[in-house]
Protein backbone atom coordinates (compact mmCIF):
# COMPACT_ATOMS: atom_id res chain seq x y z
CA MET A 1 -107.45 0.71 -54.74
CA THR A 2 -105.62 2.08 -51.81
CA LEU A 3 -102.01 1.32 -51.82
CA ALA A 4 -100.06 1.70 -48.33
CA THR A 5 -97.74 4.03 -47.56
CA THR A 6 -95.85 5.71 -44.33
CA THR A 7 -96.12 7.86 -41.84
CA PRO A 8 -96.45 11.07 -43.24
CA PRO A 9 -92.60 11.76 -43.75
CA SER A 10 -92.17 14.84 -41.88
CA ALA A 11 -93.38 13.11 -39.00
CA ILE A 12 -90.69 11.05 -38.23
CA ARG A 13 -87.69 11.58 -36.76
CA ILE A 14 -84.40 9.59 -36.42
CA THR A 15 -81.42 9.19 -33.42
CA THR A 16 -77.88 8.31 -34.59
CA ASP A 17 -75.28 7.24 -32.57
CA GLY A 18 -71.37 5.81 -33.65
CA TRP A 19 -73.16 2.67 -34.25
CA THR A 20 -75.99 3.91 -36.69
CA LEU A 21 -74.33 6.28 -37.90
CA PRO A 22 -73.17 4.91 -41.30
CA TYR A 23 -75.94 2.58 -41.91
CA TRP A 24 -78.27 6.40 -41.90
CA GLU A 25 -75.91 8.37 -43.94
CA ALA A 26 -75.47 5.89 -46.48
CA ALA A 27 -79.90 5.83 -46.52
CA LYS A 28 -79.07 9.34 -47.69
CA GLU A 29 -77.06 8.19 -50.76
CA GLU A 30 -80.08 5.42 -51.36
CA ARG A 31 -77.81 2.95 -50.20
CA LEU A 32 -78.70 0.23 -48.76
CA VAL A 33 -75.95 -1.54 -45.91
CA ALA A 34 -75.97 -3.76 -43.29
CA PRO A 35 -72.37 -4.13 -40.81
CA ARG A 36 -71.03 -7.18 -41.09
CA CYS A 37 -68.11 -8.51 -38.40
CA ARG A 38 -64.13 -8.01 -39.90
CA ALA A 39 -63.32 -11.29 -37.16
CA CYS A 40 -65.76 -13.84 -38.86
CA GLY A 41 -67.86 -12.35 -41.30
CA ALA A 42 -71.14 -13.10 -39.07
CA PHE A 43 -74.04 -9.49 -39.71
CA ARG A 44 -75.32 -7.91 -37.16
CA PHE A 45 -78.41 -6.29 -37.19
CA PRO A 46 -79.49 -3.71 -35.50
CA PRO A 47 -76.07 -2.21 -35.90
CA TRP A 48 -74.33 -2.74 -32.13
CA PRO A 49 -71.60 -2.64 -30.64
CA PHE A 50 -70.18 -6.81 -30.13
CA CYS A 51 -69.95 -9.49 -33.30
CA PRO A 52 -73.04 -12.12 -31.76
CA GLU A 53 -70.61 -14.85 -33.44
CA CYS A 54 -67.05 -13.79 -31.86
CA ARG A 55 -67.87 -10.67 -30.03
CA SER A 56 -65.57 -8.48 -32.13
CA GLN A 57 -66.01 -4.80 -32.72
CA ASP A 58 -64.44 -4.93 -35.38
CA THR A 59 -67.10 -4.46 -38.56
CA ASP A 60 -67.42 -3.53 -42.07
CA TRP A 61 -70.25 -2.35 -43.47
CA VAL A 62 -71.82 -4.10 -47.08
CA ARG A 63 -73.49 -2.85 -49.44
CA LEU A 64 -76.81 -4.52 -49.94
CA SER A 65 -78.59 -5.32 -53.34
CA GLY A 66 -81.59 -3.83 -51.71
CA ARG A 67 -84.25 -7.11 -52.56
CA ALA A 68 -85.61 -8.92 -49.72
CA SER A 69 -88.40 -11.24 -48.93
CA MET A 70 -91.55 -11.04 -46.30
CA PHE A 71 -90.66 -12.94 -43.29
CA SER A 72 -94.48 -11.53 -41.21
CA PHE A 73 -96.28 -8.13 -41.70
CA SER A 74 -99.41 -6.89 -40.42
CA VAL A 75 -102.04 -4.37 -42.07
CA VAL A 76 -102.36 -0.55 -40.17
CA ARG A 77 -105.40 0.61 -41.16
CA GLY A 78 -105.60 4.53 -39.71
CA LEU A 79 -103.74 5.70 -36.24
CA PRO A 80 -104.41 8.31 -34.44
CA GLY A 81 -105.67 12.00 -36.45
CA GLN A 82 -104.65 10.04 -39.11
CA PRO A 83 -107.96 8.13 -39.67
CA GLU A 84 -107.05 7.70 -43.76
CA LEU A 85 -103.68 6.23 -42.86
CA LEU A 86 -102.67 2.76 -44.48
CA LEU A 87 -99.54 0.86 -43.49
CA VAL A 88 -98.02 -2.25 -43.74
CA PRO A 89 -95.61 -2.47 -41.18
CA ALA A 90 -92.69 -5.92 -42.20
CA VAL A 91 -90.35 -7.85 -40.90
CA LEU A 92 -87.81 -8.92 -44.63
CA GLU A 93 -85.16 -11.57 -45.05
CA LEU A 94 -82.38 -9.42 -46.35
CA ALA A 95 -81.61 -11.31 -49.16
CA ASP A 96 -77.16 -11.04 -49.42
CA ALA A 97 -77.34 -10.50 -45.52
CA PRO A 98 -77.57 -13.87 -44.13
CA GLY A 99 -79.40 -14.23 -40.70
CA ILE A 100 -80.92 -10.45 -40.44
CA HIS A 101 -84.42 -8.92 -40.61
CA LEU A 102 -85.21 -5.78 -41.06
CA VAL A 103 -88.48 -4.13 -40.15
CA SER A 104 -89.45 -0.95 -42.64
CA ASN A 105 -92.80 -0.93 -44.60
CA VAL A 106 -93.87 -1.89 -47.57
CA VAL A 107 -95.18 1.00 -49.88
CA ASP A 108 -97.41 0.41 -53.32
CA VAL A 109 -98.64 -1.91 -51.87
CA ALA A 110 -102.90 -3.36 -51.66
CA PRO A 111 -102.62 -4.96 -48.35
CA GLU A 112 -104.47 -7.43 -49.78
CA ASP A 113 -102.18 -8.85 -51.92
CA VAL A 114 -98.80 -8.63 -49.48
CA ALA A 115 -98.14 -12.33 -48.56
CA ILE A 116 -95.19 -14.40 -46.75
CA GLY A 117 -92.71 -15.06 -48.84
CA MET A 118 -93.18 -12.03 -51.53
CA VAL A 119 -89.76 -10.68 -52.86
CA VAL A 120 -89.63 -6.70 -52.32
CA GLU A 121 -86.65 -4.33 -53.29
CA VAL A 122 -85.57 -1.09 -51.31
CA ALA A 123 -86.48 2.28 -52.17
CA PHE A 124 -85.98 5.89 -49.95
CA VAL A 125 -88.40 8.30 -48.99
CA ASP A 126 -87.57 11.63 -47.71
CA ILE A 127 -87.78 12.21 -44.27
CA ALA A 128 -87.54 15.48 -41.47
CA ASP A 129 -83.74 16.96 -41.33
CA GLY A 130 -82.51 16.05 -44.84
CA TRP A 131 -82.41 11.60 -43.82
CA LYS A 132 -84.15 9.29 -46.42
CA LEU A 133 -85.87 6.18 -44.95
CA PRO A 134 -84.97 2.91 -46.62
CA VAL A 135 -88.71 1.71 -47.87
CA PHE A 136 -89.48 -1.66 -49.65
CA ARG A 137 -91.59 -1.75 -52.92
CA PRO A 138 -93.74 -5.13 -54.45
CA ALA A 139 -90.18 -6.36 -57.12
């Protein structure tokens, strides 16, 4: 049985800016975080300057449990030059950040075992340039 993985970690590159850097810095420490508006309490993801509810820029980065459920997914079998690659990219609903969907990979799972509503938890994979990438495994 072949299990899903990520693209080779050495090939993954990220770019940060002032709004995304706290997310990636937390990931380096194996913490999953999301920005929450200090004015109204709404979560927003991906991180961006203005709250979608009240337009405030006052942001607090909240540590999350790392648990999520499968909202949507796809199975990718091979990429150009990497025919053996098996990926399960997914849209995940974060358990403790209402309204937030995170796109990530689900790893260490056979594609036939993946289902909508499946509970997963965060894990971190070392990638290029000293960063870590949040991925998810079955809980």
